PDB file of N, CA and C in Angstrom:
ATOM      1  N   UNK A   1     -36.003  14.380  53.524  1.00  0.00           N
ATOM      2  CA  UNK A   1     -35.859  15.303  52.416  1.00  0.00           C
ATOM      3  C   UNK A   1     -34.377  15.610  52.263  1.00  0.00           C
ATOM      4  N   UNK A   2     -33.869  15.441  51.054  1.00  0.00           N
ATOM      5  CA  UNK A   2     -32.467  15.739  50.774  1.00  0.00           C
ATOM      6  C   UNK A   2     -32.389  16.635  49.550  1.00  0.00           C
ATOM      7  N   UNK A   3     -31.447  17.545  49.572  1.00  0.00           N
ATOM      8  CA  UNK A   3     -31.271  18.472  48.458  1.00  0.00           C
ATOM      9  C   UNK A   3     -29.847  18.371  47.964  1.00  0.00           C
ATOM     10  N   UNK A   4     -29.659  18.472  46.658  1.00  0.00           N
ATOM     11  CA  UNK A   4     -28.327  18.415  46.071  1.00  0.00           C
ATOM     12  C   UNK A   4     -28.129  19.621  45.161  1.00  0.00           C
ATOM     13  N   UNK A   5     -27.708  20.761  45.744  1.00  0.00           N
ATOM     14  CA  UNK A   5     -27.572  21.976  44.952  1.00  0.00           C
ATOM     15  C   UNK A   5     -26.459  21.938  43.912  1.00  0.00           C
ATOM     16  N   UNK A   6     -25.563  20.956  43.986  1.00  0.00           N
ATOM     17  CA  UNK A   6     -24.465  20.863  43.027  1.00  0.00           C
ATOM     18  C   UNK A   6     -24.731  19.879  41.893  1.00  0.00           C
ATOM     19  N   UNK A   7     -25.803  19.095  41.981  1.00  0.00           N
ATOM     20  CA  UNK A   7     -26.136  18.132  40.930  1.00  0.00           C
ATOM     21  C   UNK A   7     -26.876  18.836  39.799  1.00  0.00           C
ATOM     22  N   UNK A   8     -26.810  18.264  38.609  1.00  0.00           N
ATOM     23  CA  UNK A   8     -27.549  18.808  37.470  1.00  0.00           C
ATOM     24  C   UNK A   8     -29.027  18.907  37.817  1.00  0.00           C
ATOM     25  N   UNK A   9     -29.629  20.053  37.567  1.00  0.00           N
ATOM     26  CA  UNK A   9     -31.046  20.264  37.839  1.00  0.00           C
ATOM     27  C   UNK A   9     -31.346  20.589  39.286  1.00  0.00           C
ATOM     28  N   UNK A  10     -30.352  20.554  40.160  1.00  0.00           N
ATOM     29  CA  UNK A  10     -30.484  20.879  41.594  1.00  0.00           C
ATOM     30  C   UNK A  10     -31.704  20.201  42.215  1.00  0.00           C
ATOM     31  N   UNK A  11     -31.740  18.868  42.211  1.00  0.00           N
ATOM     32  CA  UNK A  11     -32.924  18.158  42.691  1.00  0.00           C
ATOM     33  C   UNK A  11     -33.072  18.158  44.204  1.00  0.00           C
ATOM     34  N   UNK A  12     -34.321  17.965  44.622  1.00  0.00           N
ATOM     35  CA  UNK A  12     -34.669  17.690  46.007  1.00  0.00           C
ATOM     36  C   UNK A  12     -35.370  16.345  45.990  1.00  0.00           C
ATOM     37  N   UNK A  13     -34.950  15.440  46.874  1.00  0.00           N
ATOM     38  CA  UNK A  13     -35.537  14.107  46.955  1.00  0.00           C
ATOM     39  C   UNK A  13     -36.262  13.948  48.271  1.00  0.00           C
ATOM     40  N   UNK A  14     -37.372  13.196  48.235  1.00  0.00           N
ATOM     41  CA  UNK A  14     -38.106  12.829  49.443  1.00  0.00           C
ATOM     42  C   UNK A  14     -38.065  11.300  49.499  1.00  0.00           C
ATOM     43  N   UNK A  15     -37.316  10.744  50.435  1.00  0.00           N
ATOM     44  CA  UNK A  15     -37.202   9.287  50.548  1.00  0.00           C
ATOM     45  C   UNK A  15     -38.405   8.731  51.293  1.00  0.00           C
ATOM     46  N   UNK A  16     -39.035   7.711  50.712  1.00  0.00           N
ATOM     47  CA  UNK A  16     -40.206   7.078  51.307  1.00  0.00           C
ATOM     48  C   UNK A  16     -39.913   5.598  51.516  1.00  0.00           C
ATOM     49  N   UNK A  17     -40.188   5.104  52.711  1.00  0.00           N
ATOM     50  CA  UNK A  17     -40.053   3.680  53.001  1.00  0.00           C
ATOM     51  C   UNK A  17     -38.703   3.293  53.570  1.00  0.00           C
ATOM     52  N   UNK A  18     -37.674   4.023  53.248  1.00  0.00           N
ATOM     53  CA  UNK A  18     -36.322   3.797  53.765  1.00  0.00           C
ATOM     54  C   UNK A  18     -35.504   5.015  53.374  1.00  0.00           C
ATOM     55  N   UNK A  19     -34.370   5.193  54.002  1.00  0.00           N
ATOM     56  CA  UNK A  19     -33.553   6.360  53.684  1.00  0.00           C
ATOM     57  C   UNK A  19     -32.586   6.061  52.540  1.00  0.00           C
ATOM     58  N   UNK A  20     -32.086   7.111  51.923  1.00  0.00           N
ATOM     59  CA  UNK A  20     -31.103   7.003  50.853  1.00  0.00           C
ATOM     60  C   UNK A  20     -29.935   6.166  51.335  1.00  0.00           C
ATOM     61  N   UNK A  21     -29.395   5.257  50.588  1.00  0.00           N
ATOM     62  CA  UNK A  21     -29.561   5.081  49.144  1.00  0.00           C
ATOM     63  C   UNK A  21     -30.563   4.019  48.732  1.00  0.00           C
ATOM     64  N   UNK A  22     -31.386   3.516  49.672  1.00  0.00           N
ATOM     65  CA  UNK A  22     -32.307   2.432  49.344  1.00  0.00           C
ATOM     66  C   UNK A  22     -33.774   2.740  49.622  1.00  0.00           C
ATOM     67  N   UNK A  23     -34.262   3.925  49.239  1.00  0.00           N
ATOM     68  CA  UNK A  23     -35.683   4.186  49.478  1.00  0.00           C
ATOM     69  C   UNK A  23     -36.537   3.302  48.582  1.00  0.00           C
ATOM     70  N   UNK A  24     -37.765   3.082  48.985  1.00  0.00           N
ATOM     71  CA  UNK A  24     -38.679   2.286  48.165  1.00  0.00           C
ATOM     72  C   UNK A  24     -39.290   3.121  47.052  1.00  0.00           C
ATOM     73  N   UNK A  25     -39.453   4.404  47.326  1.00  0.00           N
ATOM     74  CA  UNK A  25     -39.997   5.333  46.340  1.00  0.00           C
ATOM     75  C   UNK A  25     -39.424   6.712  46.625  1.00  0.00           C
ATOM     76  N   UNK A  26     -39.034   7.413  45.583  1.00  0.00           N
ATOM     77  CA  UNK A  26     -38.466   8.745  45.760  1.00  0.00           C
ATOM     78  C   UNK A  26     -39.202   9.759  44.906  1.00  0.00           C
ATOM     79  N   UNK A  27     -40.057  10.576  45.517  1.00  0.00           N
ATOM     80  CA  UNK A  27     -40.551  11.735  44.789  1.00  0.00           C
ATOM     81  C   UNK A  27     -39.378  12.707  44.598  1.00  0.00           C
ATOM     82  N   UNK A  28     -39.238  13.256  43.411  1.00  0.00           N
ATOM     83  CA  UNK A  28     -38.143  14.170  43.107  1.00  0.00           C
ATOM     84  C   UNK A  28     -38.715  15.500  42.627  1.00  0.00           C
ATOM     85  N   UNK A  29     -38.131  16.574  43.138  1.00  0.00           N
ATOM     86  CA  UNK A  29     -38.540  17.920  42.750  1.00  0.00           C
ATOM     87  C   UNK A  29     -37.324  18.607  42.156  1.00  0.00           C
ATOM     88  N   UNK A  30     -37.414  18.967  40.894  1.00  0.00           N
ATOM     89  CA  UNK A  30     -36.321  19.677  40.244  1.00  0.00           C
ATOM     90  C   UNK A  30     -36.354  21.145  40.633  1.00  0.00           C
ATOM     91  N   UNK A  31     -35.239  21.775  40.625  1.00  0.00           N
ATOM     92  CA  UNK A  31     -35.123  23.170  41.042  1.00  0.00           C
ATOM     93  C   UNK A  31     -36.122  24.075  40.322  1.00  0.00           C
ATOM     94  N   UNK A  32     -36.380  23.817  39.047  1.00  0.00           N
ATOM     95  CA  UNK A  32     -37.303  24.663  38.275  1.00  0.00           C
ATOM     96  C   UNK A  32     -38.720  24.623  38.832  1.00  0.00           C
ATOM     97  N   UNK A  33     -39.058  23.580  39.626  1.00  0.00           N
ATOM     98  CA  UNK A  33     -40.392  23.440  40.214  1.00  0.00           C
ATOM     99  C   UNK A  33     -40.401  23.636  41.726  1.00  0.00           C
ATOM    100  N   UNK A  34     -39.253  23.878  42.313  1.00  0.00           N
ATOM    101  CA  UNK A  34     -39.145  23.948  43.770  1.00  0.00           C
ATOM    102  C   UNK A  34     -40.044  25.026  44.387  1.00  0.00           C
ATOM    103  N   UNK A  35     -40.247  26.128  43.695  1.00  0.00           N
ATOM    104  CA  UNK A  35     -41.094  27.201  44.226  1.00  0.00           C
ATOM    105  C   UNK A  35     -42.504  26.709  44.560  1.00  0.00           C
ATOM    106  N   UNK A  36     -42.971  25.682  43.868  1.00  0.00           N
ATOM    107  CA  UNK A  36     -44.304  25.113  44.121  1.00  0.00           C
ATOM    108  C   UNK A  36     -44.378  24.433  45.492  1.00  0.00           C
ATOM    109  N   UNK A  37     -43.226  24.038  46.058  1.00  0.00           N
ATOM    110  CA  UNK A  37     -43.195  23.198  47.253  1.00  0.00           C
ATOM    111  C   UNK A  37     -42.495  23.839  48.442  1.00  0.00           C
ATOM    112  N   UNK A  38     -42.105  25.102  48.355  1.00  0.00           N
ATOM    113  CA  UNK A  38     -41.328  25.734  49.426  1.00  0.00           C
ATOM    114  C   UNK A  38     -41.974  25.566  50.793  1.00  0.00           C
ATOM    115  N   UNK A  39     -43.278  25.804  50.913  1.00  0.00           N
ATOM    116  CA  UNK A  39     -43.920  25.686  52.221  1.00  0.00           C
ATOM    117  C   UNK A  39     -43.979  24.230  52.684  1.00  0.00           C
ATOM    118  N   UNK A  40     -44.104  23.276  51.758  1.00  0.00           N
ATOM    119  CA  UNK A  40     -44.135  21.861  52.114  1.00  0.00           C
ATOM    120  C   UNK A  40     -42.771  21.375  52.605  1.00  0.00           C
ATOM    121  N   UNK A  41     -41.716  21.901  52.030  1.00  0.00           N
ATOM    122  CA  UNK A  41     -40.374  21.420  52.333  1.00  0.00           C
ATOM    123  C   UNK A  41     -39.737  22.104  53.537  1.00  0.00           C
ATOM    124  N   UNK A  42     -40.418  23.050  54.128  1.00  0.00           N
ATOM    125  CA  UNK A  42     -39.872  23.795  55.266  1.00  0.00           C
ATOM    126  C   UNK A  42     -40.023  22.998  56.560  1.00  0.00           C
ATOM    127  N   UNK A  43     -39.563  21.754  56.560  1.00  0.00           N
ATOM    128  CA  UNK A  43     -39.581  20.924  57.755  1.00  0.00           C
ATOM    129  C   UNK A  43     -40.918  20.294  58.094  1.00  0.00           C
ATOM    130  N   UNK A  44     -41.910  20.435  57.249  1.00  0.00           N
ATOM    131  CA  UNK A  44     -43.245  19.927  57.546  1.00  0.00           C
ATOM    132  C   UNK A  44     -43.420  18.439  57.271  1.00  0.00           C
ATOM    133  N   UNK A  45     -42.520  17.828  56.481  1.00  0.00           N
ATOM    134  CA  UNK A  45     -42.717  16.447  56.067  1.00  0.00           C
ATOM    135  C   UNK A  45     -42.082  15.423  56.999  1.00  0.00           C
ATOM    136  N   UNK A  46     -41.098  15.823  57.778  1.00  0.00           N
ATOM    137  CA  UNK A  46     -40.359  14.899  58.633  1.00  0.00           C
ATOM    138  C   UNK A  46     -41.303  14.151  59.573  1.00  0.00           C
ATOM    139  N   UNK A  47     -41.266  12.823  59.490  1.00  0.00           N
ATOM    140  CA  UNK A  47     -42.071  11.986  60.362  1.00  0.00           C
ATOM    141  C   UNK A  47     -43.549  11.901  60.008  1.00  0.00           C
ATOM    142  N   UNK A  48     -43.956  12.507  58.910  1.00  0.00           N
ATOM    143  CA  UNK A  48     -45.363  12.493  58.493  1.00  0.00           C
ATOM    144  C   UNK A  48     -45.611  11.388  57.479  1.00  0.00           C
ATOM    145  N   UNK A  49     -46.854  10.950  57.419  1.00  0.00           N
ATOM    146  CA  UNK A  49     -47.287  10.079  56.330  1.00  0.00           C
ATOM    147  C   UNK A  49     -47.591  10.987  55.151  1.00  0.00           C
ATOM    148  N   UNK A  50     -47.038  10.654  54.001  1.00  0.00           N
ATOM    149  CA  UNK A  50     -47.294  11.473  52.819  1.00  0.00           C
ATOM    150  C   UNK A  50     -47.827  10.614  51.686  1.00  0.00           C
ATOM    151  N   UNK A  51     -48.454  11.279  50.752  1.00  0.00           N
ATOM    152  CA  UNK A  51     -48.958  10.637  49.547  1.00  0.00           C
ATOM    153  C   UNK A  51     -48.479  11.471  48.364  1.00  0.00           C
ATOM    154  N   UNK A  52     -47.796  10.821  47.436  1.00  0.00           N
ATOM    155  CA  UNK A  52     -47.309  11.500  46.241  1.00  0.00           C
ATOM    156  C   UNK A  52     -48.038  10.919  45.035  1.00  0.00           C
ATOM    157  N   UNK A  53     -48.538  11.801  44.186  1.00  0.00           N
ATOM    158  CA  UNK A  53     -49.290  11.409  43.003  1.00  0.00           C
ATOM    159  C   UNK A  53     -48.471  11.687  41.750  1.00  0.00           C
ATOM    160  N   UNK A  54     -48.447  10.727  40.837  1.00  0.00           N
ATOM    161  CA  UNK A  54     -47.768  10.925  39.569  1.00  0.00           C
ATOM    162  C   UNK A  54     -47.384   9.601  38.948  1.00  0.00           C
ATOM    163  N   UNK A  55     -46.771   9.679  37.810  1.00  0.00           N
ATOM    164  CA  UNK A  55     -46.330   8.485  37.098  1.00  0.00           C
ATOM    165  C   UNK A  55     -45.045   7.962  37.715  1.00  0.00           C
ATOM    166  N   UNK A  56     -45.050   6.690  38.079  1.00  0.00           N
ATOM    167  CA  UNK A  56     -43.859   6.070  38.656  1.00  0.00           C
ATOM    168  C   UNK A  56     -42.946   5.638  37.519  1.00  0.00           C
ATOM    169  N   UNK A  57     -41.695   6.061  37.605  1.00  0.00           N
ATOM    170  CA  UNK A  57     -40.682   5.693  36.620  1.00  0.00           C
ATOM    171  C   UNK A  57     -39.515   5.043  37.341  1.00  0.00           C
ATOM    172  N   UNK A  58     -38.772   4.214  36.634  1.00  0.00           N
ATOM    173  CA  UNK A  58     -37.564   3.632  37.196  1.00  0.00           C
ATOM    174  C   UNK A  58     -36.360   4.439  36.758  1.00  0.00           C
ATOM    175  N   UNK A  59     -35.495   4.756  37.712  1.00  0.00           N
ATOM    176  CA  UNK A  59     -34.234   5.435  37.426  1.00  0.00           C
ATOM    177  C   UNK A  59     -33.135   4.651  38.127  1.00  0.00           C
ATOM    178  N   UNK A  60     -32.272   4.040  37.345  1.00  0.00           N
ATOM    179  CA  UNK A  60     -31.191   3.198  37.872  1.00  0.00           C
ATOM    180  C   UNK A  60     -31.724   2.161  38.852  1.00  0.00           C
ATOM    181  N   UNK A  61     -32.865   1.559  38.516  1.00  0.00           N
ATOM    182  CA  UNK A  61     -33.446   0.492  39.316  1.00  0.00           C
ATOM    183  C   UNK A  61     -34.276   0.947  40.500  1.00  0.00           C
ATOM    184  N   UNK A  62     -34.430   2.253  40.704  1.00  0.00           N
ATOM    185  CA  UNK A  62     -35.217   2.774  41.821  1.00  0.00           C
ATOM    186  C   UNK A  62     -36.461   3.487  41.304  1.00  0.00           C
ATOM    187  N   UNK A  63     -37.566   3.328  42.031  1.00  0.00           N
ATOM    188  CA  UNK A  63     -38.819   3.964  41.639  1.00  0.00           C
ATOM    189  C   UNK A  63     -38.818   5.429  42.062  1.00  0.00           C
ATOM    190  N   UNK A  64     -39.256   6.295  41.139  1.00  0.00           N
ATOM    191  CA  UNK A  64     -39.361   7.711  41.473  1.00  0.00           C
ATOM    192  C   UNK A  64     -40.566   8.329  40.788  1.00  0.00           C
ATOM    193  N   UNK A  65     -41.041   9.436  41.362  1.00  0.00           N
ATOM    194  CA  UNK A  65     -42.132  10.224  40.806  1.00  0.00           C
ATOM    195  C   UNK A  65     -41.643  11.658  40.723  1.00  0.00           C
ATOM    196  N   UNK A  66     -41.727  12.247  39.547  1.00  0.00           N
ATOM    197  CA  UNK A  66     -41.368  13.656  39.404  1.00  0.00           C
ATOM    198  C   UNK A  66     -42.548  14.514  39.833  1.00  0.00           C
ATOM    199  N   UNK A  67     -42.312  15.390  40.805  1.00  0.00           N
ATOM    200  CA  UNK A  67     -43.350  16.304  41.283  1.00  0.00           C
ATOM    201  C   UNK A  67     -43.166  17.667  40.646  1.00  0.00           C
ATOM    202  N   UNK A  68     -44.239  18.191  40.047  1.00  0.00           N
ATOM    203  CA  UNK A  68     -44.157  19.507  39.406  1.00  0.00           C
ATOM    204  C   UNK A  68     -45.162  20.502  40.000  1.00  0.00           C
ATOM    205  N   UNK A  69     -46.214  20.019  40.613  1.00  0.00           N
ATOM    206  CA  UNK A  69     -47.254  20.876  41.217  1.00  0.00           C
ATOM    207  C   UNK A  69     -47.496  20.406  42.656  1.00  0.00           C
ATOM    208  N   UNK A  70     -47.752  21.361  43.545  1.00  0.00           N
ATOM    209  CA  UNK A  70     -47.944  21.035  44.957  1.00  0.00           C
ATOM    210  C   UNK A  70     -49.119  20.086  45.181  1.00  0.00           C
ATOM    211  N   UNK A  71     -50.091  20.058  44.281  1.00  0.00           N
ATOM    212  CA  UNK A  71     -51.235  19.160  44.411  1.00  0.00           C
ATOM    213  C   UNK A  71     -50.833  17.685  44.329  1.00  0.00           C
ATOM    214  N   UNK A  72     -49.619  17.413  43.847  1.00  0.00           N
ATOM    215  CA  UNK A  72     -49.139  16.025  43.760  1.00  0.00           C
ATOM    216  C   UNK A  72     -48.622  15.505  45.100  1.00  0.00           C
ATOM    217  N   UNK A  73     -48.571  16.337  46.123  1.00  0.00           N
ATOM    218  CA  UNK A  73     -48.017  15.947  47.411  1.00  0.00           C
ATOM    219  C   UNK A  73     -48.996  16.289  48.514  1.00  0.00           C
ATOM    220  N   UNK A  74     -49.441  15.273  49.240  1.00  0.00           N
ATOM    221  CA  UNK A  74     -50.358  15.475  50.371  1.00  0.00           C
ATOM    222  C   UNK A  74     -49.762  14.852  51.618  1.00  0.00           C
ATOM    223  N   UNK A  75     -50.021  15.474  52.746  1.00  0.00           N
ATOM    224  CA  UNK A  75     -49.549  14.955  54.035  1.00  0.00           C
ATOM    225  C   UNK A  75     -50.494  15.353  55.145  1.00  0.00           C
TER     226      UNK A  75
END
């Protein structure tokens, strides 16, 4: 899990399959939706198998899923 408080939208990324900058899939949580995931992001995901639900989009050649509701993330 990586957070970028200085980037536009203050995103949080969850790298799946490999670490940044070459993850296979990146669920992204924008700051406006972060409150939905606070308990999930409090160190609970490290080393866990997770499942992210949503539409896969390509951003600069990398696959990502925008997460807006906690139901989109299971572990």
